[in-house]
PDB file of N, CA and C in Angstrom:
ATOM      1  N   UNK A   1     125.223  91.723 110.947  1.00  0.00           N
ATOM      2  CA  UNK A   1     125.071  90.350 110.517  1.00  0.00           C
ATOM      3  C   UNK A   1     126.016  90.092 109.345  1.00  0.00           C
ATOM      4  N   UNK A   2     126.499  88.885 109.239  1.00  0.00           N
ATOM      5  CA  UNK A   2     127.335  88.514 108.119  1.00  0.00           C
ATOM      6  C   UNK A   2     128.809  88.746 108.336  1.00  0.00           C
ATOM      7  N   UNK A   3     129.196  89.301 109.486  1.00  0.00           N
ATOM      8  CA  UNK A   3     130.606  89.522 109.788  1.00  0.00           C
ATOM      9  C   UNK A   3     131.351  90.255 108.704  1.00  0.00           C
ATOM     10  N   UNK A   4     132.500  89.727 108.278  1.00  0.00           N
ATOM     11  CA  UNK A   4     133.317  90.374 107.260  1.00  0.00           C
ATOM     12  C   UNK A   4     132.999  89.934 105.839  1.00  0.00           C
ATOM     13  N   UNK A   5     131.912  89.182 105.635  1.00  0.00           N
ATOM     14  CA  UNK A   5     131.544  88.721 104.300  1.00  0.00           C
ATOM     15  C   UNK A   5     131.060  89.884 103.444  1.00  0.00           C
ATOM     16  N   UNK A   6     131.007  89.684 102.122  1.00  0.00           N
ATOM     17  CA  UNK A   6     130.593  90.745 101.202  1.00  0.00           C
ATOM     18  C   UNK A   6     129.169  91.214 101.481  1.00  0.00           C
ATOM     19  N   UNK A   7     128.338  90.334 102.042  1.00  0.00           N
ATOM     20  CA  UNK A   7     126.947  90.680 102.319  1.00  0.00           C
ATOM     21  C   UNK A   7     126.758  91.211 103.743  1.00  0.00           C
ATOM     22  N   UNK A   8     127.832  91.384 104.499  1.00  0.00           N
ATOM     23  CA  UNK A   8     127.741  91.831 105.884  1.00  0.00           C
ATOM     24  C   UNK A   8     127.058  93.187 106.007  1.00  0.00           C
ATOM     25  N   UNK A   9     126.175  93.299 106.983  1.00  0.00           N
ATOM     26  CA  UNK A   9     125.484  94.562 107.171  1.00  0.00           C
ATOM     27  C   UNK A   9     124.483  94.503 108.294  1.00  0.00           C
ATOM     28  N   UNK A  10     123.488  95.368 108.206  1.00  0.00           N
ATOM     29  CA  UNK A  10     122.425  95.367 109.194  1.00  0.00           C
ATOM     30  C   UNK A  10     121.096  95.625 108.511  1.00  0.00           C
ATOM     31  N   UNK A  11     120.027  95.404 109.274  1.00  0.00           N
ATOM     32  CA  UNK A  11     118.684  95.586 108.725  1.00  0.00           C
ATOM     33  C   UNK A  11     117.973  96.682 109.521  1.00  0.00           C
ATOM     34  N   UNK A  12     117.238  97.520 108.806  1.00  0.00           N
ATOM     35  CA  UNK A  12     116.441  98.580 109.419  1.00  0.00           C
ATOM     36  C   UNK A  12     114.972  98.293 109.175  1.00  0.00           C
ATOM     37  N   UNK A  13     114.150  98.593 110.154  1.00  0.00           N
ATOM     38  CA  UNK A  13     112.702  98.558 110.012  1.00  0.00           C
ATOM     39  C   UNK A  13     112.237 100.001 109.894  1.00  0.00           C
ATOM     40  N   UNK A  14     111.489 100.317 108.834  1.00  0.00           N
ATOM     41  CA  UNK A  14     111.075 101.700 108.588  1.00  0.00           C
ATOM     42  C   UNK A  14     109.560 101.785 108.460  1.00  0.00           C
ATOM     43  N   UNK A  15     108.992 102.851 108.998  1.00  0.00           N
ATOM     44  CA  UNK A  15     107.594 103.201 108.790  1.00  0.00           C
ATOM     45  C   UNK A  15     107.599 104.458 107.946  1.00  0.00           C
ATOM     46  N   UNK A  16     106.801 104.474 106.883  1.00  0.00           N
ATOM     47  CA  UNK A  16     106.863 105.577 105.928  1.00  0.00           C
ATOM     48  C   UNK A  16     105.460 105.999 105.524  1.00  0.00           C
ATOM     49  N   UNK A  17     105.189 107.281 105.638  1.00  0.00           N
ATOM     50  CA  UNK A  17     103.942 107.839 105.148  1.00  0.00           C
ATOM     51  C   UNK A  17     104.054 108.129 103.662  1.00  0.00           C
ATOM     52  N   UNK A  18     102.918 108.173 102.978  1.00  0.00           N
ATOM     53  CA  UNK A  18     102.926 108.432 101.538  1.00  0.00           C
ATOM     54  C   UNK A  18     101.841 109.449 101.191  1.00  0.00           C
ATOM     55  N   UNK A  19     102.221 110.423 100.383  1.00  0.00           N
ATOM     56  CA  UNK A  19     101.277 111.349  99.777  1.00  0.00           C
ATOM     57  C   UNK A  19     101.539 111.312  98.287  1.00  0.00           C
ATOM     58  N   UNK A  20     100.515 111.022  97.494  1.00  0.00           N
ATOM     59  CA  UNK A  20     100.665 110.888  96.055  1.00  0.00           C
ATOM     60  C   UNK A  20      99.842 111.957  95.351  1.00  0.00           C
ATOM     61  N   UNK A  21     100.406 112.505  94.288  1.00  0.00           N
ATOM     62  CA  UNK A  21      99.708 113.501  93.482  1.00  0.00           C
ATOM     63  C   UNK A  21      99.883 113.132  92.020  1.00  0.00           C
ATOM     64  N   UNK A  22      98.792 113.106  91.269  1.00  0.00           N
ATOM     65  CA  UNK A  22      98.836 112.801  89.837  1.00  0.00           C
ATOM     66  C   UNK A  22      98.327 114.005  89.055  1.00  0.00           C
ATOM     67  N   UNK A  23      98.996 114.286  87.935  1.00  0.00           N
ATOM     68  CA  UNK A  23      98.557 115.394  87.085  1.00  0.00           C
ATOM     69  C   UNK A  23      98.163 114.924  85.687  1.00  0.00           C
ATOM     70  N   UNK A  24      98.541 113.700  85.295  1.00  0.00           N
ATOM     71  CA  UNK A  24      98.207 113.155  83.984  1.00  0.00           C
ATOM     72  C   UNK A  24      97.865 111.691  84.122  1.00  0.00           C
ATOM     73  N   UNK A  25      96.963 111.098  83.466  1.00  0.00           N
ATOM     74  CA  UNK A  25      96.055 111.677  82.491  1.00  0.00           C
ATOM     75  C   UNK A  25      94.915 112.456  83.140  1.00  0.00           C
ATOM     76  N   UNK A  26      94.722 112.305  84.454  1.00  0.00           N
ATOM     77  CA  UNK A  26      93.752 113.125  85.166  1.00  0.00           C
ATOM     78  C   UNK A  26      94.364 113.485  86.513  1.00  0.00           C
ATOM     79  N   UNK A  27      93.846 114.515  87.143  1.00  0.00           N
ATOM     80  CA  UNK A  27      94.405 114.916  88.430  1.00  0.00           C
ATOM     81  C   UNK A  27      93.806 114.057  89.535  1.00  0.00           C
ATOM     82  N   UNK A  28      94.579 113.883  90.590  1.00  0.00           N
ATOM     83  CA  UNK A  28      94.098 113.111  91.728  1.00  0.00           C
ATOM     84  C   UNK A  28      95.125 113.081  92.838  1.00  0.00           C
ATOM     85  N   UNK A  29      94.689 112.559  93.962  1.00  0.00           N
ATOM     86  CA  UNK A  29      95.550 112.466  95.138  1.00  0.00           C
ATOM     87  C   UNK A  29      95.371 111.111  95.804  1.00  0.00           C
ATOM     88  N   UNK A  30      96.334 110.782  96.644  1.00  0.00           N
ATOM     89  CA  UNK A  30      96.249 109.569  97.434  1.00  0.00           C
ATOM     90  C   UNK A  30      97.109 109.706  98.666  1.00  0.00           C
ATOM     91  N   UNK A  31      96.843 108.885  99.654  1.00  0.00           N
ATOM     92  CA  UNK A  31      97.645 108.916 100.868  1.00  0.00           C
ATOM     93  C   UNK A  31      97.565 107.595 101.595  1.00  0.00           C
ATOM     94  N   UNK A  32      98.600 107.299 102.364  1.00  0.00           N
ATOM     95  CA  UNK A  32      98.630 106.054 103.125  1.00  0.00           C
ATOM     96  C   UNK A  32      99.962 105.873 103.811  1.00  0.00           C
ATOM     97  N   UNK A  33     100.350 104.628 104.023  1.00  0.00           N
ATOM     98  CA  UNK A  33     101.606 104.341 104.691  1.00  0.00           C
ATOM     99  C   UNK A  33     102.098 102.938 104.396  1.00  0.00           C
ATOM    100  N   UNK A  34     103.380 102.719 104.675  1.00  0.00           N
ATOM    101  CA  UNK A  34     104.031 101.439 104.391  1.00  0.00           C
ATOM    102  C   UNK A  34     104.981 101.054 105.515  1.00  0.00           C
ATOM    103  N   UNK A  35     105.259  99.772 105.584  1.00  0.00           N
ATOM    104  CA  UNK A  35     106.315  99.218 106.421  1.00  0.00           C
ATOM    105  C   UNK A  35     107.375  98.691 105.465  1.00  0.00           C
ATOM    106  N   UNK A  36     108.646  99.079 105.679  1.00  0.00           N
ATOM    107  CA  UNK A  36     109.734  98.640 104.803  1.00  0.00           C
ATOM    108  C   UNK A  36     110.858  98.018 105.622  1.00  0.00           C
ATOM    109  N   UNK A  37     111.561  97.081 104.997  1.00  0.00           N
ATOM    110  CA  UNK A  37     112.806  96.532 105.532  1.00  0.00           C
ATOM    111  C   UNK A  37     113.932  96.987 104.621  1.00  0.00           C
ATOM    112  N   UNK A  38     115.006  97.487 105.214  1.00  0.00           N
ATOM    113  CA  UNK A  38     116.161  97.958 104.437  1.00  0.00           C
ATOM    114  C   UNK A  38     117.405  97.209 104.893  1.00  0.00           C
ATOM    115  N   UNK A  39     118.116  96.617 103.923  1.00  0.00           N
ATOM    116  CA  UNK A  39     119.404  95.966 104.202  1.00  0.00           C
ATOM    117  C   UNK A  39     120.510  96.929 103.812  1.00  0.00           C
ATOM    118  N   UNK A  40     121.374  97.273 104.779  1.00  0.00           N
ATOM    119  CA  UNK A  40     122.524  98.146 104.559  1.00  0.00           C
ATOM    120  C   UNK A  40     123.782  97.296 104.481  1.00  0.00           C
ATOM    121  N   UNK A  41     124.521  97.387 103.366  1.00  0.00           N
ATOM    122  CA  UNK A  41     125.806  96.700 103.252  1.00  0.00           C
ATOM    123  C   UNK A  41     126.861  97.574 103.912  1.00  0.00           C
ATOM    124  N   UNK A  42     127.459  97.058 104.986  1.00  0.00           N
ATOM    125  CA  UNK A  42     128.456  97.817 105.741  1.00  0.00           C
ATOM    126  C   UNK A  42     129.855  97.373 105.346  1.00  0.00           C
ATOM    127  N   UNK A  43     130.821  98.178 105.611  1.00  0.00           N
ATOM    128  CA  UNK A  43     132.200  97.824 105.317  1.00  0.00           C
ATOM    129  C   UNK A  43     132.822  98.684 104.246  1.00  0.00           C
ATOM    130  N   UNK A  44     132.044  99.582 103.631  1.00  0.00           N
ATOM    131  CA  UNK A  44     132.568 100.442 102.578  1.00  0.00           C
ATOM    132  C   UNK A  44     132.961 101.820 103.074  1.00  0.00           C
ATOM    133  N   UNK A  45     133.181 101.972 104.382  1.00  0.00           N
ATOM    134  CA  UNK A  45     133.542 103.274 104.914  1.00  0.00           C
ATOM    135  C   UNK A  45     132.359 104.230 104.903  1.00  0.00           C
ATOM    136  N   UNK A  46     132.559 105.403 104.332  1.00  0.00           N
ATOM    137  CA  UNK A  46     131.508 106.428 104.299  1.00  0.00           C
ATOM    138  C   UNK A  46     130.392 106.096 103.317  1.00  0.00           C
ATOM    139  N   UNK A  47     130.627 105.195 102.375  1.00  0.00           N
ATOM    140  CA  UNK A  47     129.647 104.822 101.353  1.00  0.00           C
ATOM    141  C   UNK A  47     128.919 103.543 101.793  1.00  0.00           C
ATOM    142  N   UNK A  48     127.593 103.612 101.974  1.00  0.00           N
ATOM    143  CA  UNK A  48     126.812 102.472 102.444  1.00  0.00           C
ATOM    144  C   UNK A  48     125.648 102.223 101.471  1.00  0.00           C
ATOM    145  N   UNK A  49     125.780 101.256 100.555  1.00  0.00           N
ATOM    146  CA  UNK A  49     124.668 100.921  99.659  1.00  0.00           C
ATOM    147  C   UNK A  49     123.593 100.149 100.425  1.00  0.00           C
ATOM    148  N   UNK A  50     122.369 100.195  99.912  1.00  0.00           N
ATOM    149  CA  UNK A  50     121.273  99.477 100.556  1.00  0.00           C
ATOM    150  C   UNK A  50     120.238  99.034  99.531  1.00  0.00           C
ATOM    151  N   UNK A  51     119.407  98.085  99.966  1.00  0.00           N
ATOM    152  CA  UNK A  51     118.247  97.628  99.204  1.00  0.00           C
ATOM    153  C   UNK A  51     117.077  97.565 100.168  1.00  0.00           C
ATOM    154  N   UNK A  52     115.872  97.883  99.675  1.00  0.00           N
ATOM    155  CA  UNK A  52     114.724  97.790 100.554  1.00  0.00           C
ATOM    156  C   UNK A  52     113.509  97.219  99.842  1.00  0.00           C
ATOM    157  N   UNK A  53     112.583  96.645 100.633  1.00  0.00           N
ATOM    158  CA  UNK A  53     111.301  96.151 100.150  1.00  0.00           C
ATOM    159  C   UNK A  53     110.253  96.528 101.187  1.00  0.00           C
ATOM    160  N   UNK A  54     109.024  96.719 100.717  1.00  0.00           N
ATOM    161  CA  UNK A  54     107.980  97.078 101.659  1.00  0.00           C
ATOM    162  C   UNK A  54     106.595  96.904 101.089  1.00  0.00           C
ATOM    163  N   UNK A  55     105.619  97.023 101.981  1.00  0.00           N
ATOM    164  CA  UNK A  55     104.216  96.925 101.605  1.00  0.00           C
ATOM    165  C   UNK A  55     103.409  97.847 102.498  1.00  0.00           C
ATOM    166  N   UNK A  56     102.295  98.306 101.957  1.00  0.00           N
ATOM    167  CA  UNK A  56     101.440  99.183 102.727  1.00  0.00           C
ATOM    168  C   UNK A  56     100.074  99.323 102.091  1.00  0.00           C
ATOM    169  N   UNK A  57      99.339 100.308 102.572  1.00  0.00           N
ATOM    170  CA  UNK A  57      98.010 100.596 102.052  1.00  0.00           C
ATOM    171  C   UNK A  57      97.942 102.063 101.663  1.00  0.00           C
ATOM    172  N   UNK A  58      97.069 102.349 100.704  1.00  0.00           N
ATOM    173  CA  UNK A  58      96.911 103.720 100.233  1.00  0.00           C
ATOM    174  C   UNK A  58      95.465 103.902  99.783  1.00  0.00           C
ATOM    175  N   UNK A  59      94.921 105.086 100.016  1.00  0.00           N
ATOM    176  CA  UNK A  59      93.588 105.451  99.548  1.00  0.00           C
ATOM    177  C   UNK A  59      93.761 106.344  98.341  1.00  0.00           C
ATOM    178  N   UNK A  60      93.278 105.901  97.179  1.00  0.00           N
ATOM    179  CA  UNK A  60      93.462 106.641  95.930  1.00  0.00           C
ATOM    180  C   UNK A  60      92.206 107.400  95.527  1.00  0.00           C
ATOM    181  N   UNK A  61      92.422 108.531  94.884  1.00  0.00           N
ATOM    182  CA  UNK A  61      91.369 109.282  94.224  1.00  0.00           C
ATOM    183  C   UNK A  61      91.976 109.823  92.927  1.00  0.00           C
ATOM    184  N   UNK A  62      92.318 108.919  91.995  1.00  0.00           N
ATOM    185  CA  UNK A  62      93.010 109.281  90.757  1.00  0.00           C
ATOM    186  C   UNK A  62      92.069 109.401  89.554  1.00  0.00           C
ATOM    187  N   UNK A  63      90.848 108.896  89.652  1.00  0.00           N
ATOM    188  CA  UNK A  63      89.877 108.954  88.560  1.00  0.00           C
ATOM    189  C   UNK A  63      90.415 108.349  87.263  1.00  0.00           C
ATOM    190  N   UNK A  64      91.056 107.195  87.367  1.00  0.00           N
ATOM    191  CA  UNK A  64      91.585 106.499  86.193  1.00  0.00           C
ATOM    192  C   UNK A  64      90.583 105.466  85.707  1.00  0.00           C
ATOM    193  N   UNK A  65      90.423 105.320  84.384  1.00  0.00           N
ATOM    194  CA  UNK A  65      89.483 104.312  83.879  1.00  0.00           C
ATOM    195  C   UNK A  65      89.976 102.883  84.107  1.00  0.00           C
ATOM    196  N   UNK A  66      91.281 102.677  84.330  1.00  0.00           N
ATOM    197  CA  UNK A  66      91.837 101.332  84.454  1.00  0.00           C
ATOM    198  C   UNK A  66      92.132 100.921  85.893  1.00  0.00           C
ATOM    199  N   UNK A  67      91.912 101.813  86.868  1.00  0.00           N
ATOM    200  CA  UNK A  67      92.213 101.493  88.265  1.00  0.00           C
ATOM    201  C   UNK A  67      91.140 102.093  89.163  1.00  0.00           C
ATOM    202  N   UNK A  68      90.599 101.278  90.018  1.00  0.00           N
ATOM    203  CA  UNK A  68      89.523 101.702  90.899  1.00  0.00           C
ATOM    204  C   UNK A  68      90.060 102.579  92.031  1.00  0.00           C
ATOM    205  N   UNK A  69      89.360 103.669  92.321  1.00  0.00           N
ATOM    206  CA  UNK A  69      89.706 104.522  93.457  1.00  0.00           C
ATOM    207  C   UNK A  69      89.337 103.829  94.765  1.00  0.00           C
ATOM    208  N   UNK A  70      89.827 104.393  95.875  1.00  0.00           N
ATOM    209  CA  UNK A  70      89.530 103.849  97.197  1.00  0.00           C
ATOM    210  C   UNK A  70      90.710 103.062  97.736  1.00  0.00           C
ATOM    211  N   UNK A  71      90.423 102.039  98.539  1.00  0.00           N
ATOM    212  CA  UNK A  71      91.443 101.238  99.218  1.00  0.00           C
ATOM    213  C   UNK A  71      92.279 100.449  98.217  1.00  0.00           C
ATOM    214  N   UNK A  72      93.613 100.595  98.320  1.00  0.00           N
ATOM    215  CA  UNK A  72      94.556  99.868  97.472  1.00  0.00           C
ATOM    216  C   UNK A  72      95.771  99.459  98.291  1.00  0.00           C
ATOM    217  N   UNK A  73      96.510  98.515  97.745  1.00  0.00           N
ATOM    218  CA  UNK A  73      97.765  98.074  98.349  1.00  0.00           C
ATOM    219  C   UNK A  73      98.929  98.730  97.626  1.00  0.00           C
ATOM    220  N   UNK A  74     100.016  98.952  98.346  1.00  0.00           N
ATOM    221  CA  UNK A  74     101.231  99.549  97.800  1.00  0.00           C
ATOM    222  C   UNK A  74     102.385  98.589  98.056  1.00  0.00           C
ATOM    223  N   UNK A  75     102.982  98.050  96.986  1.00  0.00           N
ATOM    224  CA  UNK A  75     104.176  97.198  97.072  1.00  0.00           C
ATOM    225  C   UNK A  75     105.327  97.977  96.474  1.00  0.00           C
ATOM    226  N   UNK A  76     106.511  97.883  97.104  1.00  0.00           N
ATOM    227  CA  UNK A  76     107.639  98.658  96.604  1.00  0.00           C
ATOM    228  C   UNK A  76     108.970  98.009  96.969  1.00  0.00           C
ATOM    229  N   UNK A  77     109.985  98.359  96.184  1.00  0.00           N
ATOM    230  CA  UNK A  77     111.339  97.900  96.423  1.00  0.00           C
ATOM    231  C   UNK A  77     112.306  98.826  95.709  1.00  0.00           C
ATOM    232  N   UNK A  78     113.536  98.888  96.201  1.00  0.00           N
ATOM    233  CA  UNK A  78     114.472  99.789  95.555  1.00  0.00           C
ATOM    234  C   UNK A  78     115.904  99.602  96.009  1.00  0.00           C
ATOM    235  N   UNK A  79     116.780 100.407  95.392  1.00  0.00           N
ATOM    236  CA  UNK A  79     118.213 100.407  95.666  1.00  0.00           C
ATOM    237  C   UNK A  79     118.664 101.844  95.896  1.00  0.00           C
ATOM    238  N   UNK A  80     119.678 101.997  96.748  1.00  0.00           N
ATOM    239  CA  UNK A  80     120.197 103.330  96.992  1.00  0.00           C
ATOM    240  C   UNK A  80     121.496 103.280  97.769  1.00  0.00           C
ATOM    241  N   UNK A  81     121.910 104.443  98.245  1.00  0.00           N
ATOM    242  CA  UNK A  81     123.153 104.532  99.015  1.00  0.00           C
ATOM    243  C   UNK A  81     123.128 105.756  99.918  1.00  0.00           C
ATOM    244  N   UNK A  82     123.788 105.597 101.065  1.00  0.00           N
ATOM    245  CA  UNK A  82     124.072 106.716 101.966  1.00  0.00           C
ATOM    246  C   UNK A  82     125.541 107.084 101.762  1.00  0.00           C
ATOM    247  N   UNK A  83     125.842 108.361 101.737  1.00  0.00           N
ATOM    248  CA  UNK A  83     127.224 108.842 101.778  1.00  0.00           C
ATOM    249  C   UNK A  83     127.324 109.674 103.046  1.00  0.00           C
ATOM    250  N   UNK A  84     128.034 109.154 104.047  1.00  0.00           N
ATOM    251  CA  UNK A  84     128.109 109.813 105.349  1.00  0.00           C
ATOM    252  C   UNK A  84     129.015 111.035 105.283  1.00  0.00           C
ATOM    253  N   UNK A  85     128.500 112.157 105.763  1.00  0.00           N
ATOM    254  CA  UNK A  85     129.278 113.390 105.833  1.00  0.00           C
ATOM    255  C   UNK A  85     129.767 113.630 107.255  1.00  0.00           C
ATOM    256  N   UNK A  86     129.079 113.058 108.253  1.00  0.00           N
ATOM    257  CA  UNK A  86     129.534 112.997 109.640  1.00  0.00           C
ATOM    258  C   UNK A  86     129.189 111.596 110.139  1.00  0.00           C
ATOM    259  N   UNK A  87     129.469 111.340 111.401  1.00  0.00           N
ATOM    260  CA  UNK A  87     129.207 110.008 111.947  1.00  0.00           C
ATOM    261  C   UNK A  87     127.718 109.654 111.937  1.00  0.00           C
ATOM    262  N   UNK A  88     126.828 110.646 112.063  1.00  0.00           N
ATOM    263  CA  UNK A  88     125.394 110.387 112.167  1.00  0.00           C
ATOM    264  C   UNK A  88     124.547 111.067 111.092  1.00  0.00           C
ATOM    265  N   UNK A  89     125.181 111.682 110.106  1.00  0.00           N
ATOM    266  CA  UNK A  89     124.447 112.359 109.032  1.00  0.00           C
ATOM    267  C   UNK A  89     124.969 111.897 107.676  1.00  0.00           C
ATOM    268  N   UNK A  90     124.009 111.703 106.746  1.00  0.00           N
ATOM    269  CA  UNK A  90     124.396 111.217 105.421  1.00  0.00           C
ATOM    270  C   UNK A  90     123.534 111.867 104.352  1.00  0.00           C
ATOM    271  N   UNK A  91     124.106 111.982 103.174  1.00  0.00           N
ATOM    272  CA  UNK A  91     123.328 112.313 101.985  1.00  0.00           C
ATOM    273  C   UNK A  91     122.847 110.988 101.410  1.00  0.00           C
ATOM    274  N   UNK A  92     121.575 110.919 101.037  1.00  0.00           N
ATOM    275  CA  UNK A  92     120.987 109.658 100.606  1.00  0.00           C
ATOM    276  C   UNK A  92     120.348 109.822  99.238  1.00  0.00           C
ATOM    277  N   UNK A  93     120.592 108.854  98.352  1.00  0.00           N
ATOM    278  CA  UNK A  93     119.951 108.810  97.037  1.00  0.00           C
ATOM    279  C   UNK A  93     119.392 107.404  96.849  1.00  0.00           C
ATOM    280  N   UNK A  94     118.213 107.346  96.223  1.00  0.00           N
ATOM    281  CA  UNK A  94     117.550 106.046  96.081  1.00  0.00           C
ATOM    282  C   UNK A  94     116.653 106.042  94.858  1.00  0.00           C
ATOM    283  N   UNK A  95     116.589 104.872  94.191  1.00  0.00           N
ATOM    284  CA  UNK A  95     115.577 104.614  93.168  1.00  0.00           C
ATOM    285  C   UNK A  95     114.623 103.597  93.757  1.00  0.00           C
ATOM    286  N   UNK A  96     113.318 103.821  93.564  1.00  0.00           N
ATOM    287  CA  UNK A  96     112.321 102.904  94.105  1.00  0.00           C
ATOM    288  C   UNK A  96     111.234 102.622  93.065  1.00  0.00           C
ATOM    289  N   UNK A  97     110.891 101.344  92.904  1.00  0.00           N
ATOM    290  CA  UNK A  97     109.777 100.912  92.067  1.00  0.00           C
ATOM    291  C   UNK A  97     108.564 100.728  92.973  1.00  0.00           C
ATOM    292  N   UNK A  98     107.405 101.248  92.548  1.00  0.00           N
ATOM    293  CA  UNK A  98     106.189 101.133  93.342  1.00  0.00           C
ATOM    294  C   UNK A  98     105.049 100.584  92.470  1.00  0.00           C
ATOM    295  N   UNK A  99     104.271  99.685  93.049  1.00  0.00           N
ATOM    296  CA  UNK A  99     103.095  99.124  92.370  1.00  0.00           C
ATOM    297  C   UNK A  99     101.899  99.299  93.289  1.00  0.00           C
ATOM    298  N   UNK A 100     100.843  99.916  92.763  1.00  0.00           N
ATOM    299  CA  UNK A 100      99.613 100.129  93.521  1.00  0.00           C
ATOM    300  C   UNK A 100      98.488  99.378  92.812  1.00  0.00           C
ATOM    301  N   UNK A 101      97.760  98.545  93.565  1.00  0.00           N
ATOM    302  CA  UNK A 101      96.573  97.874  93.028  1.00  0.00           C
ATOM    303  C   UNK A 101      95.693  97.447  94.187  1.00  0.00           C
ATOM    304  N   UNK A 102      94.483  96.995  93.861  1.00  0.00           N
ATOM    305  CA  UNK A 102      93.575  96.563  94.918  1.00  0.00           C
ATOM    306  C   UNK A 102      93.485  95.036  95.023  1.00  0.00           C
ATOM    307  N   UNK A 103      94.405  94.320  94.407  1.00  0.00           N
ATOM    308  CA  UNK A 103      94.478  92.855  94.470  1.00  0.00           C
ATOM    309  C   UNK A 103      93.195  92.200  93.963  1.00  0.00           C
ATOM    310  N   UNK A 104      92.586  92.817  92.952  1.00  0.00           N
ATOM    311  CA  UNK A 104      91.346  92.323  92.344  1.00  0.00           C
ATOM    312  C   UNK A 104      90.170  92.252  93.315  1.00  0.00           C
ATOM    313  N   UNK A 105      90.196  93.078  94.357  1.00  0.00           N
ATOM    314  CA  UNK A 105      89.034  93.166  95.240  1.00  0.00           C
ATOM    315  C   UNK A 105      87.888  93.891  94.552  1.00  0.00           C
ATOM    316  N   UNK A 106      88.226  94.795  93.616  1.00  0.00           N
ATOM    317  CA  UNK A 106      87.240  95.524  92.815  1.00  0.00           C
ATOM    318  C   UNK A 106      87.811  95.683  91.409  1.00  0.00           C
ATOM    319  N   UNK A 107      86.914  95.757  90.434  1.00  0.00           N
ATOM    320  CA  UNK A 107      87.346  95.957  89.052  1.00  0.00           C
ATOM    321  C   UNK A 107      86.962  97.363  88.612  1.00  0.00           C
ATOM    322  N   UNK A 108      87.729  97.992  87.748  1.00  0.00           N
ATOM    323  CA  UNK A 108      88.955  97.503  87.108  1.00  0.00           C
ATOM    324  C   UNK A 108      90.145  97.532  88.069  1.00  0.00           C
ATOM    325  N   UNK A 109      91.184  96.774  87.720  1.00  0.00           N
ATOM    326  CA  UNK A 109      92.367  96.688  88.570  1.00  0.00           C
ATOM    327  C   UNK A 109      93.617  96.423  87.732  1.00  0.00           C
ATOM    328  N   UNK A 110      93.985  97.336  86.869  1.00  0.00           N
ATOM    329  CA  UNK A 110      95.219  97.188  86.085  1.00  0.00           C
ATOM    330  C   UNK A 110      96.445  97.610  86.872  1.00  0.00           C
ATOM    331  N   UNK A 111      96.278  98.385  87.924  1.00  0.00           N
ATOM    332  CA  UNK A 111      97.400  98.807  88.757  1.00  0.00           C
ATOM    333  C   UNK A 111      98.055 100.079  88.246  1.00  0.00           C
ATOM    334  N   UNK A 112      98.788 100.698  89.140  1.00  0.00           N
ATOM    335  CA  UNK A 112      99.557 101.902  88.832  1.00  0.00           C
ATOM    336  C   UNK A 112     101.004 101.592  89.184  1.00  0.00           C
ATOM    337  N   UNK A 113     101.913 101.670  88.213  1.00  0.00           N
ATOM    338  CA  UNK A 113     103.334 101.386  88.421  1.00  0.00           C
ATOM    339  C   UNK A 113     104.136 102.666  88.242  1.00  0.00           C
ATOM    340  N   UNK A 114     105.064 102.911  89.183  1.00  0.00           N
ATOM    341  CA  UNK A 114     105.871 104.122  89.117  1.00  0.00           C
ATOM    342  C   UNK A 114     107.319 103.813  89.480  1.00  0.00           C
ATOM    343  N   UNK A 115     108.207 104.672  89.009  1.00  0.00           N
ATOM    344  CA  UNK A 115     109.594 104.720  89.468  1.00  0.00           C
ATOM    345  C   UNK A 115     109.776 106.049  90.168  1.00  0.00           C
ATOM    346  N   UNK A 116     110.327 106.000  91.356  1.00  0.00           N
ATOM    347  CA  UNK A 116     110.559 107.222  92.126  1.00  0.00           C
ATOM    348  C   UNK A 116     112.053 107.369  92.378  1.00  0.00           C
ATOM    349  N   UNK A 117     112.557 108.583  92.226  1.00  0.00           N
ATOM    350  CA  UNK A 117     113.946 108.898  92.544  1.00  0.00           C
ATOM    351  C   UNK A 117     113.932 109.823  93.749  1.00  0.00           C
ATOM    352  N   UNK A 118     114.577 109.395  94.823  1.00  0.00           N
ATOM    353  CA  UNK A 118     114.565 110.125  96.081  1.00  0.00           C
ATOM    354  C   UNK A 118     115.976 110.600  96.408  1.00  0.00           C
ATOM    355  N   UNK A 119     116.093 111.857  96.813  1.00  0.00           N
ATOM    356  CA  UNK A 119     117.373 112.426  97.227  1.00  0.00           C
ATOM    357  C   UNK A 119     117.110 113.237  98.482  1.00  0.00           C
ATOM    358  N   UNK A 120     117.956 113.073  99.492  1.00  0.00           N
ATOM    359  CA  UNK A 120     117.732 113.841 100.713  1.00  0.00           C
ATOM    360  C   UNK A 120     118.827 113.633 101.726  1.00  0.00           C
ATOM    361  N   UNK A 121     118.575 114.143 102.911  1.00  0.00           N
ATOM    362  CA  UNK A 121     119.490 114.008 104.046  1.00  0.00           C
ATOM    363  C   UNK A 121     118.910 113.017 105.030  1.00  0.00           C
ATOM    364  N   UNK A 122     119.761 112.179 105.610  1.00  0.00           N
ATOM    365  CA  UNK A 122     119.330 111.195 106.596  1.00  0.00           C
ATOM    366  C   UNK A 122     120.084 111.449 107.897  1.00  0.00           C
ATOM    367  N   UNK A 123     119.337 111.414 109.002  1.00  0.00           N
ATOM    368  CA  UNK A 123     119.907 111.616 110.328  1.00  0.00           C
ATOM    369  C   UNK A 123     119.727 110.339 111.127  1.00  0.00           C
ATOM    370  N   UNK A 124     120.821 109.800 111.658  1.00  0.00           N
ATOM    371  CA  UNK A 124     120.801 108.567 112.426  1.00  0.00           C
ATOM    372  C   UNK A 124     120.940 108.904 113.907  1.00  0.00           C
ATOM    373  N   UNK A 125     120.038 108.338 114.717  1.00  0.00           N
ATOM    374  CA  UNK A 125     120.057 108.596 116.166  1.00  0.00           C
ATOM    375  C   UNK A 125     120.377 107.356 116.934  1.00  0.00           C
TER     376      UNK A 125
END
C-alpha cells in the first residue's frame, strides 16, 4: 500500500501469546494473548522499520495493592525494525509499551505500565 510514497508498506496481522513474571515489589505471574497490527515501511532494502498496536486479555496474579488480580486488558504499541539477512529471515529489534488494567471493572485499578525491549529472529513464510 502507498506505492512509492514515504509511507509505502504493508500491514501484518499478528496473534501473540503472553507470559508475564514479576519479581518486585511482590512475585507473581500472568498469562494471556493479544491481537496486533504491524505496519512495515518498505523501500529501505534490507532494513524495514515498523510500528505496531494491539490489544488483548491477560489473567494476573501479581498480588499488588494498587491493581486487582484476575481478568485484565492488555493494550500495547511499539516501534522496531527488521534487518534481513536472507530473503525470508531477519534479525528483529523492538521497543514496546504495555499497559495492563481491568478498565475499572474492579477496584483498585491503577494499572501496570511496562516498557519491553525485544530482540530475536523472524522467519517469513
